[in-house]
Amino acid sequence: QKHLQNLQPPTLILWGDSDRILGTQDAY
């Protein structure tokens, strides 16, 4: 999380809206 700001490539985040393994908050 502290290093995400250093990711330079354009990034697409795809997330299942009913993820029961990780939940959904990490997508945000």
PDB file of all heavy atoms in Angstrom:
ATOM      1  N   GLN A   1       0.811  -1.211   0.000  1.00  0.00           N
ATOM      2  CA  GLN A   1       0.000   0.000   0.000  1.00  0.00           C
ATOM      3  C   GLN A   1       0.854   1.276   0.000  1.00  0.00           C
ATOM      4  O   GLN A   1       0.525   2.248  -0.689  1.00  0.00           O
ATOM      5  CB  GLN A   1      -0.945   0.002   1.207  1.00  0.00           C
ATOM      6  CG  GLN A   1      -2.139   0.916   1.018  1.00  0.00           C
ATOM      7  CD  GLN A   1      -3.299   0.548   1.920  1.00  0.00           C
ATOM      8  OE1 GLN A   1      -3.239  -0.422   2.667  1.00  0.00           O
ATOM      9  NE2 GLN A   1      -4.357   1.325   1.864  1.00  0.00           N
ATOM     10  N   LYS A   2       1.972   1.276   0.738  1.00  0.00           N
ATOM     11  CA  LYS A   2       2.820   2.459   0.789  1.00  0.00           C
ATOM     12  C   LYS A   2       3.580   2.686  -0.517  1.00  0.00           C
ATOM     13  O   LYS A   2       4.122   3.781  -0.728  1.00  0.00           O
ATOM     14  CB  LYS A   2       3.809   2.329   1.946  1.00  0.00           C
ATOM     15  CG  LYS A   2       3.159   2.359   3.318  1.00  0.00           C
ATOM     16  CD  LYS A   2       4.212   2.248   4.414  1.00  0.00           C
ATOM     17  CE  LYS A   2       3.575   2.278   5.801  1.00  0.00           C
ATOM     18  NZ  LYS A   2       4.606   2.151   6.875  1.00  0.00           N
ATOM     19  N   HIS A   3       3.639   1.657  -1.351  1.00  0.00           N
ATOM     20  CA  HIS A   3       4.423   1.750  -2.581  1.00  0.00           C
ATOM     21  C   HIS A   3       3.556   1.881  -3.836  1.00  0.00           C
ATOM     22  O   HIS A   3       4.099   2.033  -4.927  1.00  0.00           O
ATOM     23  CB  HIS A   3       5.312   0.514  -2.717  1.00  0.00           C
ATOM     24  CG  HIS A   3       6.192   0.275  -1.522  1.00  0.00           C
ATOM     25  ND1 HIS A   3       7.294   1.041  -1.258  1.00  0.00           N
ATOM     26  CD2 HIS A   3       6.090  -0.634  -0.515  1.00  0.00           C
ATOM     27  CE1 HIS A   3       7.872   0.623  -0.142  1.00  0.00           C
ATOM     28  NE2 HIS A   3       7.165  -0.394   0.329  1.00  0.00           N
ATOM     29  N   LEU A   4       2.238   1.828  -3.669  1.00  0.00           N
ATOM     30  CA  LEU A   4       1.360   1.885  -4.837  1.00  0.00           C
ATOM     31  C   LEU A   4       1.536   3.179  -5.623  1.00  0.00           C
ATOM     32  O   LEU A   4       1.389   3.200  -6.846  1.00  0.00           O
ATOM     33  CB  LEU A   4      -0.100   1.727  -4.408  1.00  0.00           C
ATOM     34  CG  LEU A   4      -0.498   0.381  -3.788  1.00  0.00           C
ATOM     35  CD1 LEU A   4      -1.979   0.394  -3.393  1.00  0.00           C
ATOM     36  CD2 LEU A   4      -0.230  -0.778  -4.751  1.00  0.00           C
ATOM     37  N   GLN A   5       1.866   4.260  -4.920  1.00  0.00           N
ATOM     38  CA  GLN A   5       2.052   5.553  -5.598  1.00  0.00           C
ATOM     39  C   GLN A   5       3.214   5.530  -6.588  1.00  0.00           C
ATOM     40  O   GLN A   5       3.317   6.404  -7.462  1.00  0.00           O
ATOM     41  CB  GLN A   5       2.298   6.639  -4.556  1.00  0.00           C
ATOM     42  CG  GLN A   5       3.550   6.415  -3.723  1.00  0.00           C
ATOM     43  CD  GLN A   5       3.719   7.458  -2.635  1.00  0.00           C
ATOM     44  OE1 GLN A   5       3.087   8.513  -2.673  1.00  0.00           O
ATOM     45  NE2 GLN A   5       4.579   7.181  -1.665  1.00  0.00           N
ATOM     46  N   ASN A   6       4.101   4.537  -6.441  1.00  0.00           N
ATOM     47  CA  ASN A   6       5.254   4.443  -7.334  1.00  0.00           C
ATOM     48  C   ASN A   6       4.970   3.621  -8.591  1.00  0.00           C
ATOM     49  O   ASN A   6       5.847   3.487  -9.448  1.00  0.00           O
ATOM     50  CB  ASN A   6       6.437   3.833  -6.579  1.00  0.00           C
ATOM     51  CG  ASN A   6       6.879   4.685  -5.411  1.00  0.00           C
ATOM     52  OD1 ASN A   6       6.906   5.906  -5.501  1.00  0.00           O
ATOM     53  ND2 ASN A   6       7.218   4.040  -4.304  1.00  0.00           N
ATOM     54  N   LEU A   7       3.775   3.073  -8.698  1.00  0.00           N
ATOM     55  CA  LEU A   7       3.403   2.330  -9.902  1.00  0.00           C
ATOM     56  C   LEU A   7       3.074   3.325 -11.011  1.00  0.00           C
ATOM     57  O   LEU A   7       2.116   4.081 -10.917  1.00  0.00           O
ATOM     58  CB  LEU A   7       2.199   1.426  -9.627  1.00  0.00           C
ATOM     59  CG  LEU A   7       2.462   0.171  -8.794  1.00  0.00           C
ATOM     60  CD1 LEU A   7       1.135  -0.495  -8.412  1.00  0.00           C
ATOM     61  CD2 LEU A   7       3.338  -0.821  -9.546  1.00  0.00           C
ATOM     62  N   GLN A   8       3.865   3.296 -12.068  1.00  0.00           N
ATOM     63  CA  GLN A   8       3.690   4.253 -13.148  1.00  0.00           C
ATOM     64  C   GLN A   8       2.818   3.765 -14.304  1.00  0.00           C
ATOM     65  O   GLN A   8       2.145   4.577 -14.945  1.00  0.00           O
ATOM     66  CB  GLN A   8       5.063   4.687 -13.672  1.00  0.00           C
ATOM     67  CG  GLN A   8       5.868   5.469 -12.649  1.00  0.00           C
ATOM     68  CD  GLN A   8       5.111   6.658 -12.078  1.00  0.00           C
ATOM     69  OE1 GLN A   8       4.556   7.471 -12.814  1.00  0.00           O
ATOM     70  NE2 GLN A   8       5.066   6.758 -10.760  1.00  0.00           N
ATOM     71  N   PRO A   9       2.807   2.479 -14.640  1.00  0.00           N
ATOM     72  CA  PRO A   9       2.001   2.056 -15.795  1.00  0.00           C
ATOM     73  C   PRO A   9       0.507   2.283 -15.549  1.00  0.00           C
ATOM     74  O   PRO A   9       0.025   2.155 -14.414  1.00  0.00           O
ATOM     75  CB  PRO A   9       2.306   0.551 -15.909  1.00  0.00           C
ATOM     76  CG  PRO A   9       3.580   0.349 -15.178  1.00  0.00           C
ATOM     77  CD  PRO A   9       3.575   1.353 -14.078  1.00  0.00           C
ATOM     78  N   PRO A  10      -0.241   2.631 -16.586  1.00  0.00           N
ATOM     79  CA  PRO A  10      -1.699   2.664 -16.462  1.00  0.00           C
ATOM     80  C   PRO A  10      -2.186   1.309 -15.944  1.00  0.00           C
ATOM     81  O   PRO A  10      -1.713   0.258 -16.384  1.00  0.00           O
ATOM     82  CB  PRO A  10      -2.171   2.931 -17.892  1.00  0.00           C
ATOM     83  CG  PRO A  10      -1.002   3.593 -18.558  1.00  0.00           C
ATOM     84  CD  PRO A  10       0.219   2.985 -17.938  1.00  0.00           C
ATOM     85  N   THR A  11      -3.126   1.356 -15.008  1.00  0.00           N
ATOM     86  CA  THR A  11      -3.550   0.131 -14.319  1.00  0.00           C
ATOM     87  C   THR A  11      -5.062  -0.015 -14.366  1.00  0.00           C
ATOM     88  O   THR A  11      -5.797   0.916 -14.038  1.00  0.00           O
ATOM     89  CB  THR A  11      -3.084   0.145 -12.854  1.00  0.00           C
ATOM     90  OG1 THR A  11      -1.660   0.273 -12.811  1.00  0.00           O
ATOM     91  CG2 THR A  11      -3.494  -1.127 -12.140  1.00  0.00           C
ATOM     92  N   LEU A  12      -5.499  -1.198 -14.769  1.00  0.00           N
ATOM     93  CA  LEU A  12      -6.914  -1.551 -14.778  1.00  0.00           C
ATOM     94  C   LEU A  12      -7.176  -2.503 -13.618  1.00  0.00           C
ATOM     95  O   LEU A  12      -6.533  -3.549 -13.508  1.00  0.00           O
ATOM     96  CB  LEU A  12      -7.295  -2.212 -16.106  1.00  0.00           C
ATOM     97  CG  LEU A  12      -8.711  -2.776 -16.226  1.00  0.00           C
ATOM     98  CD1 LEU A  12      -9.757  -1.658 -16.118  1.00  0.00           C
ATOM     99  CD2 LEU A  12      -8.879  -3.540 -17.535  1.00  0.00           C
ATOM    100  N   ILE A  13      -8.099  -2.129 -12.749  1.00  0.00           N
ATOM    101  CA  ILE A  13      -8.467  -2.960 -11.604  1.00  0.00           C
ATOM    102  C   ILE A  13      -9.833  -3.571 -11.888  1.00  0.00           C
ATOM    103  O   ILE A  13     -10.834  -2.853 -12.015  1.00  0.00           O
ATOM    104  CB  ILE A  13      -8.529  -2.118 -10.311  1.00  0.00           C
ATOM    105  CG1 ILE A  13      -7.188  -1.391 -10.080  1.00  0.00           C
ATOM    106  CG2 ILE A  13      -8.889  -2.991  -9.107  1.00  0.00           C
ATOM    107  CD1 ILE A  13      -7.315  -0.201  -9.149  1.00  0.00           C
ATOM    108  N   LEU A  14      -9.864  -4.888 -12.024  1.00  0.00           N
ATOM    109  CA  LEU A  14     -11.115  -5.604 -12.244  1.00  0.00           C
ATOM    110  C   LEU A  14     -11.430  -6.384 -10.982  1.00  0.00           C
ATOM    111  O   LEU A  14     -10.577  -7.118 -10.480  1.00  0.00           O
ATOM    112  CB  LEU A  14     -10.986  -6.551 -13.450  1.00  0.00           C
ATOM    113  CG  LEU A  14     -10.654  -5.899 -14.795  1.00  0.00           C
ATOM    114  CD1 LEU A  14     -10.486  -6.966 -15.878  1.00  0.00           C
ATOM    115  CD2 LEU A  14     -11.735  -4.902 -15.194  1.00  0.00           C
ATOM    116  N   TRP A  15     -12.677  -6.254 -10.491  1.00  0.00           N
ATOM    117  CA  TRP A  15     -12.988  -6.841  -9.184  1.00  0.00           C
ATOM    118  C   TRP A  15     -14.408  -7.420  -9.185  1.00  0.00           C
ATOM    119  O   TRP A  15     -15.358  -6.754  -9.597  1.00  0.00           O
ATOM    120  CB  TRP A  15     -12.896  -5.773  -8.104  1.00  0.00           C
ATOM    121  CG  TRP A  15     -12.468  -6.302  -6.760  1.00  0.00           C
ATOM    122  CD1 TRP A  15     -13.256  -6.879  -5.815  1.00  0.00           C
ATOM    123  CD2 TRP A  15     -11.139  -6.291  -6.223  1.00  0.00           C
ATOM    124  NE1 TRP A  15     -12.509  -7.232  -4.717  1.00  0.00           N
ATOM    125  CE2 TRP A  15     -11.195  -6.883  -4.942  1.00  0.00           C
ATOM    126  CE3 TRP A  15      -9.906  -5.849  -6.695  1.00  0.00           C
ATOM    127  CZ2 TRP A  15     -10.075  -7.036  -4.125  1.00  0.00           C
ATOM    128  CZ3 TRP A  15      -8.788  -5.995  -5.892  1.00  0.00           C
ATOM    129  CH2 TRP A  15      -8.877  -6.584  -4.628  1.00  0.00           C
ATOM    130  N   GLY A  16     -14.518  -8.666  -8.727  1.00  0.00           N
ATOM    131  CA  GLY A  16     -15.825  -9.274  -8.574  1.00  0.00           C
ATOM    132  C   GLY A  16     -16.626  -8.565  -7.496  1.00  0.00           C
ATOM    133  O   GLY A  16     -16.126  -8.362  -6.386  1.00  0.00           O
ATOM    134  N   ASP A  17     -17.857  -8.192  -7.799  1.00  0.00           N
ATOM    135  CA  ASP A  17     -18.642  -7.406  -6.834  1.00  0.00           C
ATOM    136  C   ASP A  17     -19.120  -8.223  -5.642  1.00  0.00           C
ATOM    137  O   ASP A  17     -19.655  -7.672  -4.675  1.00  0.00           O
ATOM    138  CB  ASP A  17     -19.831  -6.733  -7.525  1.00  0.00           C
ATOM    139  CG  ASP A  17     -20.865  -7.716  -8.064  1.00  0.00           C
ATOM    140  OD1 ASP A  17     -20.626  -8.951  -8.009  1.00  0.00           O
ATOM    141  OD2 ASP A  17     -21.919  -7.262  -8.553  1.00  0.00           O
ATOM    142  N   SER A  18     -18.901  -9.547  -5.687  1.00  0.00           N
ATOM    143  CA  SER A  18     -19.322 -10.417  -4.582  1.00  0.00           C
ATOM    144  C   SER A  18     -18.155 -11.275  -4.087  1.00  0.00           C
ATOM    145  O   SER A  18     -18.346 -12.434  -3.719  1.00  0.00           O
ATOM    146  CB  SER A  18     -20.489 -11.309  -5.026  1.00  0.00           C
ATOM    147  OG  SER A  18     -21.601 -10.538  -5.426  1.00  0.00           O
ATOM    148  N   ASP A  19     -16.969 -10.700  -4.069  1.00  0.00           N
ATOM    149  CA  ASP A  19     -15.771 -11.427  -3.635  1.00  0.00           C
ATOM    150  C   ASP A  19     -15.863 -11.729  -2.140  1.00  0.00           C
ATOM    151  O   ASP A  19     -15.852 -10.827  -1.308  1.00  0.00           O
ATOM    152  CB  ASP A  19     -14.523 -10.584  -3.926  1.00  0.00           C
ATOM    153  CG  ASP A  19     -13.225 -11.337  -3.676  1.00  0.00           C
ATOM    154  OD1 ASP A  19     -13.233 -12.319  -2.915  1.00  0.00           O
ATOM    155  OD2 ASP A  19     -12.194 -10.935  -4.245  1.00  0.00           O
ATOM    156  N   ARG A  20     -15.930 -13.035  -1.796  1.00  0.00           N
ATOM    157  CA  ARG A  20     -15.999 -13.446  -0.399  1.00  0.00           C
ATOM    158  C   ARG A  20     -14.636 -13.865   0.146  1.00  0.00           C
ATOM    159  O   ARG A  20     -14.524 -14.190   1.331  1.00  0.00           O
ATOM    160  CB  ARG A  20     -16.986 -14.614  -0.248  1.00  0.00           C
ATOM    161  CG  ARG A  20     -18.428 -14.245  -0.544  1.00  0.00           C
ATOM    162  CD  ARG A  20     -19.339 -15.444  -0.385  1.00  0.00           C
ATOM    163  NE  ARG A  20     -19.276 -16.001   0.975  1.00  0.00           N
ATOM    164  CZ  ARG A  20     -19.827 -17.160   1.349  1.00  0.00           C
ATOM    165  NH1 ARG A  20     -20.448 -17.898   0.431  1.00  0.00           N
ATOM    166  NH2 ARG A  20     -19.733 -17.584   2.578  1.00  0.00           N
ATOM    167  N   ILE A  21     -13.616 -13.865  -0.683  1.00  0.00           N
ATOM    168  CA  ILE A  21     -12.280 -14.214  -0.236  1.00  0.00           C
ATOM    169  C   ILE A  21     -11.543 -12.969   0.271  1.00  0.00           C
ATOM    170  O   ILE A  21     -11.032 -12.945   1.399  1.00  0.00           O
ATOM    171  CB  ILE A  21     -11.459 -14.869  -1.369  1.00  0.00           C
ATOM    172  CG1 ILE A  21     -12.182 -16.122  -1.901  1.00  0.00           C
ATOM    173  CG2 ILE A  21     -10.064 -15.220  -0.877  1.00  0.00           C
ATOM    174  CD1 ILE A  21     -12.329 -17.242  -0.899  1.00  0.00           C
ATOM    175  N   LEU A  22     -11.489 -11.916  -0.534  1.00  0.00           N
ATOM    176  CA  LEU A  22     -10.820 -10.677  -0.148  1.00  0.00           C
ATOM    177  C   LEU A  22     -11.786  -9.567   0.234  1.00  0.00           C
ATOM    178  O   LEU A  22     -11.355  -8.542   0.779  1.00  0.00           O
ATOM    179  CB  LEU A  22      -9.929 -10.179  -1.293  1.00  0.00           C
ATOM    180  CG  LEU A  22      -8.716 -11.037  -1.654  1.00  0.00           C
ATOM    181  CD1 LEU A  22      -7.963 -10.398  -2.813  1.00  0.00           C
ATOM    182  CD2 LEU A  22      -7.793 -11.241  -0.470  1.00  0.00           C
ATOM    183  N   GLY A  23     -13.074  -9.738  -0.043  1.00  0.00           N
ATOM    184  CA  GLY A  23     -14.005  -8.642   0.133  1.00  0.00           C
ATOM    185  C   GLY A  23     -13.881  -7.651  -1.003  1.00  0.00           C
ATOM    186  O   GLY A  23     -13.280  -7.942  -2.043  1.00  0.00           O
ATOM    187  N   THR A  24     -14.408  -6.459  -0.817  1.00  0.00           N
ATOM    188  CA  THR A  24     -14.408  -5.472  -1.900  1.00  0.00           C
ATOM    189  C   THR A  24     -13.678  -4.172  -1.547  1.00  0.00           C
ATOM    190  O   THR A  24     -13.414  -3.364  -2.440  1.00  0.00           O
ATOM    191  CB  THR A  24     -15.854  -5.119  -2.303  1.00  0.00           C
ATOM    192  OG1 THR A  24     -16.576  -4.677  -1.145  1.00  0.00           O
ATOM    193  CG2 THR A  24     -16.567  -6.343  -2.881  1.00  0.00           C
ATOM    194  N   GLN A  25     -13.338  -3.970  -0.277  1.00  0.00           N
ATOM    195  CA  GLN A  25     -12.738  -2.692   0.116  1.00  0.00           C
ATOM    196  C   GLN A  25     -11.347  -2.485  -0.485  1.00  0.00           C
ATOM    197  O   GLN A  25     -10.950  -1.357  -0.771  1.00  0.00           O
ATOM    198  CB  GLN A  25     -12.662  -2.606   1.648  1.00  0.00           C
ATOM    199  CG  GLN A  25     -14.012  -2.468   2.317  1.00  0.00           C
ATOM    200  CD  GLN A  25     -14.786  -1.272   1.778  1.00  0.00           C
ATOM    201  OE1 GLN A  25     -14.294  -0.139   1.767  1.00  0.00           O
ATOM    202  NE2 GLN A  25     -16.006  -1.523   1.319  1.00  0.00           N
ATOM    203  N   ASP A  26     -10.604  -3.578  -0.683  1.00  0.00           N
ATOM    204  CA  ASP A  26      -9.263  -3.429  -1.239  1.00  0.00           C
ATOM    205  C   ASP A  26      -9.280  -2.878  -2.661  1.00  0.00           C
ATOM    206  O   ASP A  26      -8.315  -2.244  -3.096  1.00  0.00           O
ATOM    207  CB  ASP A  26      -8.526  -4.774  -1.221  1.00  0.00           C
ATOM    208  CG  ASP A  26      -8.043  -5.151   0.170  1.00  0.00           C
ATOM    209  OD1 ASP A  26      -8.276  -4.359   1.111  1.00  0.00           O
ATOM    210  OD2 ASP A  26      -7.452  -6.234   0.325  1.00  0.00           O
ATOM    211  N   ALA A  27     -10.362  -3.107  -3.378  1.00  0.00           N
ATOM    212  CA  ALA A  27     -10.471  -2.562  -4.735  1.00  0.00           C
ATOM    213  C   ALA A  27     -10.380  -1.037  -4.698  1.00  0.00           C
ATOM    214  O   ALA A  27      -9.679  -0.423  -5.521  1.00  0.00           O
ATOM    215  CB  ALA A  27     -11.783  -3.000  -5.380  1.00  0.00           C
ATOM    216  N   TYR A  28     -11.070  -0.427  -3.741  1.00  0.00           N
ATOM    217  CA  TYR A  28     -11.016   1.029  -3.609  1.00  0.00           C
ATOM    218  C   TYR A  28      -9.628   1.494  -3.170  1.00  0.00           C
ATOM    219  O   TYR A  28      -9.146   2.546  -3.609  1.00  0.00           O
ATOM    220  CB  TYR A  28     -12.056   1.504  -2.597  1.00  0.00           C
ATOM    221  CG  TYR A  28     -13.486   1.234  -3.009  1.00  0.00           C
ATOM    222  CD1 TYR A  28     -14.255   0.287  -2.339  1.00  0.00           C
ATOM    223  CD2 TYR A  28     -14.075   1.930  -4.068  1.00  0.00           C
ATOM    224  CE1 TYR A  28     -15.570   0.042  -2.697  1.00  0.00           C
ATOM    225  CE2 TYR A  28     -15.391   1.693  -4.442  1.00  0.00           C
ATOM    226  CZ  TYR A  28     -16.132   0.742  -3.754  1.00  0.00           C
ATOM    227  OH  TYR A  28     -17.434   0.487  -4.112  1.00  0.00           O
TER     228      TYR A  28
END
